[in-house]
């Protein structure tokens, strides 16, 4: 598998060979800490977005059901149907 464009692991390894190892480890530790924090923040945002999307979907379902119920009762009202399916004339 090729390396992502703009990043050469070989070039990094050559550069790292010229750098003081304790400095390199400090830099890598600091970078890892930043990346871990960013990943944690992105995961939290993703969870919030997921919850918001789930809430939105549920609201959409309830809106649809409410519209269906309203249409059902309006049709019954328009047809003159009262309780237990009886018409007002008693048929």
PDB file of N, CA and C in Angstrom:
ATOM      1  N   UNK A   1       0.856  -1.167   0.000  1.00  0.00           N
ATOM      2  CA  UNK A   1       0.000   0.000   0.000  1.00  0.00           C
ATOM      3  C   UNK A   1       0.902   1.230   0.000  1.00  0.00           C
ATOM      4  N   UNK A   2       0.582   2.231  -0.804  1.00  0.00           N
ATOM      5  CA  UNK A   2       1.374   3.448  -0.892  1.00  0.00           C
ATOM      6  C   UNK A   2       1.129   4.373   0.289  1.00  0.00           C
ATOM      7  N   UNK A   3       2.023   5.320   0.436  1.00  0.00           N
ATOM      8  CA  UNK A   3       1.892   6.301   1.510  1.00  0.00           C
ATOM      9  C   UNK A   3       0.997   7.437   1.049  1.00  0.00           C
ATOM     10  N   UNK A   4       0.310   8.093   1.989  1.00  0.00           N
ATOM     11  CA  UNK A   4      -0.523   9.231   1.619  1.00  0.00           C
ATOM     12  C   UNK A   4       0.329  10.322   0.976  1.00  0.00           C
ATOM     13  N   UNK A   5      -0.267  11.037   0.022  1.00  0.00           N
ATOM     14  CA  UNK A   5       0.490  12.093  -0.645  1.00  0.00           C
ATOM     15  C   UNK A   5       0.892  13.155   0.364  1.00  0.00           C
ATOM     16  N   UNK A   6       2.081  13.709   0.178  1.00  0.00           N
ATOM     17  CA  UNK A   6       2.569  14.756   1.068  1.00  0.00           C
ATOM     18  C   UNK A   6       3.231  14.211   2.320  1.00  0.00           C
ATOM     19  N   UNK A   7       3.253  12.899   2.515  1.00  0.00           N
ATOM     20  CA  UNK A   7       3.869  12.323   3.703  1.00  0.00           C
ATOM     21  C   UNK A   7       4.744  11.164   3.283  1.00  0.00           C
ATOM     22  N   UNK A   8       6.017  11.254   3.653  1.00  0.00           N
ATOM     23  CA  UNK A   8       6.932  10.173   3.352  1.00  0.00           C
ATOM     24  C   UNK A   8       7.524   9.669   4.660  1.00  0.00           C
ATOM     25  N   UNK A   9       7.159   8.449   5.021  1.00  0.00           N
ATOM     26  CA  UNK A   9       7.682   7.858   6.247  1.00  0.00           C
ATOM     27  C   UNK A   9       9.198   7.694   6.157  1.00  0.00           C
ATOM     28  N   UNK A  10       9.694   7.339   4.989  1.00  0.00           N
ATOM     29  CA  UNK A  10      11.153   7.198   4.822  1.00  0.00           C
ATOM     30  C   UNK A  10      11.858   8.524   5.070  1.00  0.00           C
ATOM     31  N   UNK A  11      11.292   9.606   4.529  1.00  0.00           N
ATOM     32  CA  UNK A  11      11.888  10.920   4.728  1.00  0.00           C
ATOM     33  C   UNK A  11      11.868  11.299   6.217  1.00  0.00           C
ATOM     34  N   UNK A  12      10.784  10.975   6.888  1.00  0.00           N
ATOM     35  CA  UNK A  12      10.692  11.263   8.318  1.00  0.00           C
ATOM     36  C   UNK A  12      11.744  10.473   9.092  1.00  0.00           C
ATOM     37  N   UNK A  13      11.904   9.189   8.765  1.00  0.00           N
ATOM     38  CA  UNK A  13      12.877   8.348   9.459  1.00  0.00           C
ATOM     39  C   UNK A  13      14.289   8.884   9.243  1.00  0.00           C
ATOM     40  N   UNK A  14      14.589   9.321   8.018  1.00  0.00           N
ATOM     41  CA  UNK A  14      15.924   9.916   7.760  1.00  0.00           C
ATOM     42  C   UNK A  14      16.113  11.180   8.585  1.00  0.00           C
ATOM     43  N   UNK A  15      15.073  12.016   8.633  1.00  0.00           N
ATOM     44  CA  UNK A  15      15.153  13.244   9.419  1.00  0.00           C
ATOM     45  C   UNK A  15      15.304  12.905  10.896  1.00  0.00           C
ATOM     46  N   UNK A  16      14.510  11.952  11.412  1.00  0.00           N
ATOM     47  CA  UNK A  16      14.539  11.576  12.819  1.00  0.00           C
ATOM     48  C   UNK A  16      15.895  11.027  13.225  1.00  0.00           C
ATOM     49  N   UNK A  17      16.603  10.390  12.279  1.00  0.00           N
ATOM     50  CA  UNK A  17      17.935   9.845  12.582  1.00  0.00           C
ATOM     51  C   UNK A  17      18.927  10.957  12.893  1.00  0.00           C
ATOM     52  N   UNK A  18      18.650  12.166  12.415  1.00  0.00           N
ATOM     53  CA  UNK A  18      19.553  13.298  12.639  1.00  0.00           C
ATOM     54  C   UNK A  18      19.192  14.096  13.886  1.00  0.00           C
ATOM     55  N   UNK A  19      18.078  13.780  14.521  1.00  0.00           N
ATOM     56  CA  UNK A  19      17.590  14.547  15.661  1.00  0.00           C
ATOM     57  C   UNK A  19      17.930  13.803  16.953  1.00  0.00           C
ATOM     58  N   UNK A  20      18.183  14.577  17.999  1.00  0.00           N
ATOM     59  CA  UNK A  20      18.430  13.998  19.322  1.00  0.00           C
ATOM     60  C   UNK A  20      17.231  13.131  19.712  1.00  0.00           C
ATOM     61  N   UNK A  21      17.493  11.891  20.129  1.00  0.00           N
ATOM     62  CA  UNK A  21      16.414  10.940  20.411  1.00  0.00           C
ATOM     63  C   UNK A  21      15.499  11.403  21.549  1.00  0.00           C
ATOM     64  N   UNK A  22      16.058  12.002  22.609  1.00  0.00           N
ATOM     65  CA  UNK A  22      15.189  12.453  23.703  1.00  0.00           C
ATOM     66  C   UNK A  22      14.289  13.589  23.230  1.00  0.00           C
ATOM     67  N   UNK A  23      14.819  14.497  22.385  1.00  0.00           N
ATOM     68  CA  UNK A  23      13.998  15.565  21.819  1.00  0.00           C
ATOM     69  C   UNK A  23      12.927  14.988  20.906  1.00  0.00           C
ATOM     70  N   UNK A  24      13.314  14.013  20.102  1.00  0.00           N
ATOM     71  CA  UNK A  24      12.366  13.363  19.195  1.00  0.00           C
ATOM     72  C   UNK A  24      11.227  12.719  19.984  1.00  0.00           C
ATOM     73  N   UNK A  25      11.561  12.015  21.057  1.00  0.00           N
ATOM     74  CA  UNK A  25      10.522  11.372  21.858  1.00  0.00           C
ATOM     75  C   UNK A  25       9.621  12.405  22.521  1.00  0.00           C
ATOM     76  N   UNK A  26      10.177  13.525  22.976  1.00  0.00           N
ATOM     77  CA  UNK A  26       9.354  14.588  23.561  1.00  0.00           C
ATOM     78  C   UNK A  26       8.391  15.156  22.525  1.00  0.00           C
ATOM     79  N   UNK A  27       8.913  15.386  21.321  1.00  0.00           N
ATOM     80  CA  UNK A  27       8.061  15.904  20.250  1.00  0.00           C
ATOM     81  C   UNK A  27       6.953  14.915  19.892  1.00  0.00           C
ATOM     82  N   UNK A  28       7.323  13.644  19.789  1.00  0.00           N
ATOM     83  CA  UNK A  28       6.332  12.628  19.442  1.00  0.00           C
ATOM     84  C   UNK A  28       5.306  12.463  20.561  1.00  0.00           C
ATOM     85  N   UNK A  29       5.743  12.530  21.817  1.00  0.00           N
ATOM     86  CA  UNK A  29       4.802  12.447  22.942  1.00  0.00           C
ATOM     87  C   UNK A  29       3.824  13.620  22.919  1.00  0.00           C
ATOM     88  N   UNK A  30       4.351  14.827  22.678  1.00  0.00           N
ATOM     89  CA  UNK A  30       3.489  16.010  22.622  1.00  0.00           C
ATOM     90  C   UNK A  30       2.500  15.894  21.465  1.00  0.00           C
ATOM     91  N   UNK A  31       2.981  15.432  20.334  1.00  0.00           N
ATOM     92  CA  UNK A  31       2.114  15.248  19.163  1.00  0.00           C
ATOM     93  C   UNK A  31       1.040  14.205  19.459  1.00  0.00           C
ATOM     94  N   UNK A  32       1.430  13.091  20.094  1.00  0.00           N
ATOM     95  CA  UNK A  32       0.463  12.053  20.418  1.00  0.00           C
ATOM     96  C   UNK A  32      -0.603  12.573  21.378  1.00  0.00           C
ATOM     97  N   UNK A  33      -0.202  13.375  22.359  1.00  0.00           N
ATOM     98  CA  UNK A  33      -1.155  13.955  23.309  1.00  0.00           C
ATOM     99  C   UNK A  33      -2.157  14.838  22.580  1.00  0.00           C
ATOM    100  N   UNK A  34      -1.662  15.678  21.673  1.00  0.00           N
ATOM    101  CA  UNK A  34      -2.562  16.548  20.895  1.00  0.00           C
ATOM    102  C   UNK A  34      -3.509  15.734  20.029  1.00  0.00           C
ATOM    103  N   UNK A  35      -2.966  14.714  19.376  1.00  0.00           N
ATOM    104  CA  UNK A  35      -3.802  13.887  18.503  1.00  0.00           C
ATOM    105  C   UNK A  35      -4.849  13.118  19.299  1.00  0.00           C
ATOM    106  N   UNK A  36      -4.453  12.598  20.473  1.00  0.00           N
ATOM    107  CA  UNK A  36      -5.416  11.890  21.318  1.00  0.00           C
ATOM    108  C   UNK A  36      -6.536  12.821  21.760  1.00  0.00           C
ATOM    109  N   UNK A  37      -6.183  14.034  22.148  1.00  0.00           N
ATOM    110  CA  UNK A  37      -7.194  15.000  22.581  1.00  0.00           C
ATOM    111  C   UNK A  37      -8.120  15.370  21.430  1.00  0.00           C
ATOM    112  N   UNK A  38      -7.546  15.584  20.255  1.00  0.00           N
ATOM    113  CA  UNK A  38      -8.363  15.922  19.085  1.00  0.00           C
ATOM    114  C   UNK A  38      -9.303  14.776  18.729  1.00  0.00           C
ATOM    115  N   UNK A  39      -8.790  13.548  18.798  1.00  0.00           N
ATOM    116  CA  UNK A  39      -9.624  12.392  18.484  1.00  0.00           C
ATOM    117  C   UNK A  39     -10.755  12.271  19.495  1.00  0.00           C
ATOM    118  N   UNK A  40     -10.474  12.487  20.766  1.00  0.00           N
ATOM    119  CA  UNK A  40     -11.495  12.414  21.813  1.00  0.00           C
ATOM    120  C   UNK A  40     -12.556  13.501  21.582  1.00  0.00           C
ATOM    121  N   UNK A  41     -12.109  14.707  21.248  1.00  0.00           N
ATOM    122  CA  UNK A  41     -13.058  15.797  20.978  1.00  0.00           C
ATOM    123  C   UNK A  41     -13.929  15.485  19.768  1.00  0.00           C
ATOM    124  N   UNK A  42     -13.311  14.961  18.722  1.00  0.00           N
ATOM    125  CA  UNK A  42     -14.087  14.614  17.524  1.00  0.00           C
ATOM    126  C   UNK A  42     -15.083  13.500  17.816  1.00  0.00           C
ATOM    127  N   UNK A  43     -14.692  12.532  18.644  1.00  0.00           N
ATOM    128  CA  UNK A  43     -15.601  11.449  19.007  1.00  0.00           C
ATOM    129  C   UNK A  43     -16.788  11.998  19.792  1.00  0.00           C
ATOM    130  N   UNK A  44     -16.517  12.939  20.728  1.00  0.00           N
ATOM    131  CA  UNK A  44     -17.603  13.542  21.507  1.00  0.00           C
ATOM    132  C   UNK A  44     -18.557  14.323  20.606  1.00  0.00           C
ATOM    133  N   UNK A  45     -17.993  15.063  19.648  1.00  0.00           N
ATOM    134  CA  UNK A  45     -18.829  15.813  18.706  1.00  0.00           C
ATOM    135  C   UNK A  45     -19.666  14.848  17.869  1.00  0.00           C
ATOM    136  N   UNK A  46     -19.032  13.768  17.430  1.00  0.00           N
ATOM    137  CA  UNK A  46     -19.756  12.775  16.625  1.00  0.00           C
ATOM    138  C   UNK A  46     -20.908  12.183  17.423  1.00  0.00           C
ATOM    139  N   UNK A  47     -20.685  11.911  18.715  1.00  0.00           N
ATOM    140  CA  UNK A  47     -21.754  11.373  19.552  1.00  0.00           C
ATOM    141  C   UNK A  47     -22.881  12.387  19.714  1.00  0.00           C
ATOM    142  N   UNK A  48     -22.519  13.665  19.896  1.00  0.00           N
ATOM    143  CA  UNK A  48     -23.539  14.712  20.020  1.00  0.00           C
ATOM    144  C   UNK A  48     -24.345  14.842  18.737  1.00  0.00           C
ATOM    145  N   UNK A  49     -23.642  14.818  17.608  1.00  0.00           N
ATOM    146  CA  UNK A  49     -24.322  14.924  16.314  1.00  0.00           C
ATOM    147  C   UNK A  49     -25.233  13.717  16.116  1.00  0.00           C
ATOM    148  N   UNK A  50     -24.725  12.549  16.478  1.00  0.00           N
ATOM    149  CA  UNK A  50     -25.538  11.334  16.339  1.00  0.00           C
ATOM    150  C   UNK A  50     -26.806  11.457  17.188  1.00  0.00           C
ATOM    151  N   UNK A  51     -26.646  11.912  18.434  1.00  0.00           N
ATOM    152  CA  UNK A  51     -27.822  12.071  19.310  1.00  0.00           C
ATOM    153  C   UNK A  51     -28.792  13.095  18.741  1.00  0.00           C
ATOM    154  N   UNK A  52     -28.252  14.190  18.216  1.00  0.00           N
ATOM    155  CA  UNK A  52     -29.121  15.217  17.629  1.00  0.00           C
ATOM    156  C   UNK A  52     -29.849  14.664  16.412  1.00  0.00           C
ATOM    157  N   UNK A  53     -29.148  13.895  15.593  1.00  0.00           N
ATOM    158  CA  UNK A  53     -29.782  13.320  14.406  1.00  0.00           C
ATOM    159  C   UNK A  53     -30.842  12.302  14.808  1.00  0.00           C
ATOM    160  N   UNK A  54     -30.556  11.500  15.836  1.00  0.00           N
ATOM    161  CA  UNK A  54     -31.534  10.536  16.314  1.00  0.00           C
ATOM    162  C   UNK A  54     -32.770  11.265  16.829  1.00  0.00           C
ATOM    163  N   UNK A  55     -32.566  12.323  17.596  1.00  0.00           N
ATOM    164  CA  UNK A  55     -33.679  13.122  18.115  1.00  0.00           C
ATOM    165  C   UNK A  55     -34.495  13.701  16.952  1.00  0.00           C
ATOM    166  N   UNK A  56     -33.799  14.201  15.931  1.00  0.00           N
ATOM    167  CA  UNK A  56     -34.476  14.766  14.762  1.00  0.00           C
ATOM    168  C   UNK A  56     -35.304  13.694  14.053  1.00  0.00           C
ATOM    169  N   UNK A  57     -34.737  12.495  13.888  1.00  0.00           N
ATOM    170  CA  UNK A  57     -35.472  11.403  13.241  1.00  0.00           C
ATOM    171  C   UNK A  57     -36.726  11.043  14.032  1.00  0.00           C
ATOM    172  N   UNK A  58     -36.583  10.970  15.361  1.00  0.00           N
ATOM    173  CA  UNK A  58     -37.751  10.646  16.186  1.00  0.00           C
ATOM    174  C   UNK A  58     -38.828  11.715  16.066  1.00  0.00           C
ATOM    175  N   UNK A  59     -38.414  12.972  16.054  1.00  0.00           N
ATOM    176  CA  UNK A  59     -39.388  14.062  15.895  1.00  0.00           C
ATOM    177  C   UNK A  59     -40.071  13.974  14.535  1.00  0.00           C
ATOM    178  N   UNK A  60     -39.320  13.637  13.499  1.00  0.00           N
ATOM    179  CA  UNK A  60     -39.915  13.479  12.173  1.00  0.00           C
ATOM    180  C   UNK A  60     -40.952  12.356  12.182  1.00  0.00           C
ATOM    181  N   UNK A  61     -40.632  11.242  12.855  1.00  0.00           N
ATOM    182  CA  UNK A  61     -41.576  10.128  12.929  1.00  0.00           C
ATOM    183  C   UNK A  61     -42.853  10.547  13.651  1.00  0.00           C
ATOM    184  N   UNK A  62     -42.694  11.269  14.760  1.00  0.00           N
ATOM    185  CA  UNK A  62     -43.875  11.712  15.498  1.00  0.00           C
ATOM    186  C   UNK A  62     -44.680  12.723  14.688  1.00  0.00           C
ATOM    187  N   UNK A  63     -44.012  13.602  13.956  1.00  0.00           N
ATOM    188  CA  UNK A  63     -44.726  14.555  13.102  1.00  0.00           C
ATOM    189  C   UNK A  63     -45.547  13.806  12.051  1.00  0.00           C
ATOM    190  N   UNK A  64     -44.953  12.793  11.452  1.00  0.00           N
ATOM    191  CA  UNK A  64     -45.658  12.000  10.453  1.00  0.00           C
ATOM    192  C   UNK A  64     -46.857  11.296  11.081  1.00  0.00           C
ATOM    193  N   UNK A  65     -46.649  10.666  12.237  1.00  0.00           N
ATOM    194  CA  UNK A  65     -47.749   9.962  12.897  1.00  0.00           C
ATOM    195  C   UNK A  65     -48.862  10.931  13.301  1.00  0.00           C
ATOM    196  N   UNK A  66     -48.482  12.083  13.799  1.00  0.00           N
ATOM    197  CA  UNK A  66     -49.469  13.086  14.179  1.00  0.00           C
ATOM    198  C   UNK A  66     -50.275  13.512  12.955  1.00  0.00           C
ATOM    199  N   UNK A  67     -49.600  13.751  11.846  1.00  0.00           N
ATOM    200  CA  UNK A  67     -50.292  14.144  10.613  1.00  0.00           C
ATOM    201  C   UNK A  67     -51.236  13.037  10.152  1.00  0.00           C
ATOM    202  N   UNK A  68     -50.787  11.786  10.280  1.00  0.00           N
ATOM    203  CA  UNK A  68     -51.641  10.667   9.889  1.00  0.00           C
ATOM    204  C   UNK A  68     -52.875  10.579  10.783  1.00  0.00           C
ATOM    205  N   UNK A  69     -52.682  10.747  12.094  1.00  0.00           N
ATOM    206  CA  UNK A  69     -53.818  10.700  13.017  1.00  0.00           C
ATOM    207  C   UNK A  69     -54.792  11.846  12.759  1.00  0.00           C
ATOM    208  N   UNK A  70     -54.261  13.033  12.524  1.00  0.00           N
ATOM    209  CA  UNK A  70     -55.123  14.183  12.241  1.00  0.00           C
ATOM    210  C   UNK A  70     -55.949  13.932  10.983  1.00  0.00           C
ATOM    211  N   UNK A  71     -55.293  13.407   9.943  1.00  0.00           N
ATOM    212  CA  UNK A  71     -56.002  13.127   8.691  1.00  0.00           C
ATOM    213  C   UNK A  71     -57.081  12.065   8.916  1.00  0.00           C
ATOM    214  N   UNK A  72     -56.745  11.054   9.696  1.00  0.00           N
ATOM    215  CA  UNK A  72     -57.713   9.985   9.994  1.00  0.00           C
ATOM    216  C   UNK A  72     -58.945  10.551  10.684  1.00  0.00           C
ATOM    217  N   UNK A  73     -58.754  11.340  11.734  1.00  0.00           N
ATOM    218  CA  UNK A  73     -59.896  11.872  12.476  1.00  0.00           C
ATOM    219  C   UNK A  73     -60.657  12.927  11.677  1.00  0.00           C
ATOM    220  N   UNK A  74     -59.975  13.659  10.830  1.00  0.00           N
ATOM    221  CA  UNK A  74     -60.685  14.618   9.972  1.00  0.00           C
ATOM    222  C   UNK A  74     -61.569  13.893   8.970  1.00  0.00           C
ATOM    223  N   UNK A  75     -61.065  12.780   8.422  1.00  0.00           N
ATOM    224  CA  UNK A  75     -61.884  11.989   7.492  1.00  0.00           C
ATOM    225  C   UNK A  75     -63.116  11.439   8.208  1.00  0.00           C
ATOM    226  N   UNK A  76     -62.907  10.926   9.417  1.00  0.00           N
ATOM    227  CA  UNK A  76     -64.044  10.394  10.199  1.00  0.00           C
ATOM    228  C   UNK A  76     -65.048  11.505  10.500  1.00  0.00           C
ATOM    229  N   UNK A  77     -64.535  12.669  10.873  1.00  0.00           N
ATOM    230  CA  UNK A  77     -65.404  13.796  11.189  1.00  0.00           C
ATOM    231  C   UNK A  77     -66.176  14.223   9.944  1.00  0.00           C
ATOM    232  N   UNK A  78     -65.487  14.249   8.807  1.00  0.00           N
ATOM    233  CA  UNK A  78     -66.130  14.625   7.545  1.00  0.00           C
ATOM    234  C   UNK A  78     -67.176  13.612   7.110  1.00  0.00           C
ATOM    235  N   UNK A  79     -66.980  12.341   7.461  1.00  0.00           N
ATOM    236  CA  UNK A  79     -67.936  11.294   7.097  1.00  0.00           C
ATOM    237  C   UNK A  79     -69.071  11.194   8.108  1.00  0.00           C
ATOM    238  N   UNK A  80     -69.019  11.984   9.187  1.00  0.00           N
ATOM    239  CA  UNK A  80     -70.069  11.960  10.191  1.00  0.00           C
ATOM    240  C   UNK A  80     -69.993  10.778  11.120  1.00  0.00           C
ATOM    241  N   UNK A  81     -68.828  10.155  11.262  1.00  0.00           N
ATOM    242  CA  UNK A  81     -68.674   8.998  12.139  1.00  0.00           C
ATOM    243  C   UNK A  81     -68.376   9.491  13.549  1.00  0.00           C
ATOM    244  N   UNK A  82     -69.103   8.931  14.522  1.00  0.00           N
ATOM    245  CA  UNK A  82     -68.871   9.290  15.921  1.00  0.00           C
ATOM    246  C   UNK A  82     -68.216   8.119  16.627  1.00  0.00           C
ATOM    247  N   UNK A  83     -68.383   8.053  17.914  1.00  0.00           N
ATOM    248  CA  UNK A  83     -67.770   6.991  18.711  1.00  0.00           C
ATOM    249  C   UNK A  83     -68.226   5.602  18.250  1.00  0.00           C
ATOM    250  N   UNK A  84     -67.311   4.666  18.335  1.00  0.00           N
ATOM    251  CA  UNK A  84     -67.541   3.252  18.026  1.00  0.00           C
ATOM    252  C   UNK A  84     -68.046   3.019  16.599  1.00  0.00           C
ATOM    253  N   UNK A  85     -67.680   3.931  15.702  1.00  0.00           N
ATOM    254  CA  UNK A  85     -67.984   3.736  14.295  1.00  0.00           C
ATOM    255  C   UNK A  85     -69.423   3.941  13.916  1.00  0.00           C
ATOM    256  N   UNK A  86     -70.226   4.522  14.795  1.00  0.00           N
ATOM    257  CA  UNK A  86     -71.639   4.753  14.482  1.00  0.00           C
ATOM    258  C   UNK A  86     -71.828   6.124  13.883  1.00  0.00           C
ATOM    259  N   UNK A  87     -72.664   6.204  12.912  1.00  0.00           N
ATOM    260  CA  UNK A  87     -72.968   7.505  12.330  1.00  0.00           C
ATOM    261  C   UNK A  87     -73.941   8.240  13.251  1.00  0.00           C
ATOM    262  N   UNK A  88     -74.032   9.568  13.182  1.00  0.00           N
ATOM    263  CA  UNK A  88     -74.931  10.306  14.055  1.00  0.00           C
ATOM    264  C   UNK A  88     -76.393   9.938  13.865  1.00  0.00           C
ATOM    265  N   UNK A  89     -76.755   9.373  12.682  1.00  0.00           N
ATOM    266  CA  UNK A  89     -78.152   9.002  12.449  1.00  0.00           C
ATOM    267  C   UNK A  89     -78.510   7.650  13.051  1.00  0.00           C
ATOM    268  N   UNK A  90     -77.510   6.949  13.603  1.00  0.00           N
ATOM    269  CA  UNK A  90     -77.783   5.674  14.249  1.00  0.00           C
ATOM    270  C   UNK A  90     -77.816   4.488  13.335  1.00  0.00           C
ATOM    271  N   UNK A  91     -77.298   4.590  12.118  1.00  0.00           N
ATOM    272  CA  UNK A  91     -77.291   3.475  11.154  1.00  0.00           C
ATOM    273  C   UNK A  91     -76.263   2.463  11.492  1.00  0.00           C
TER     274      UNK A  91
END
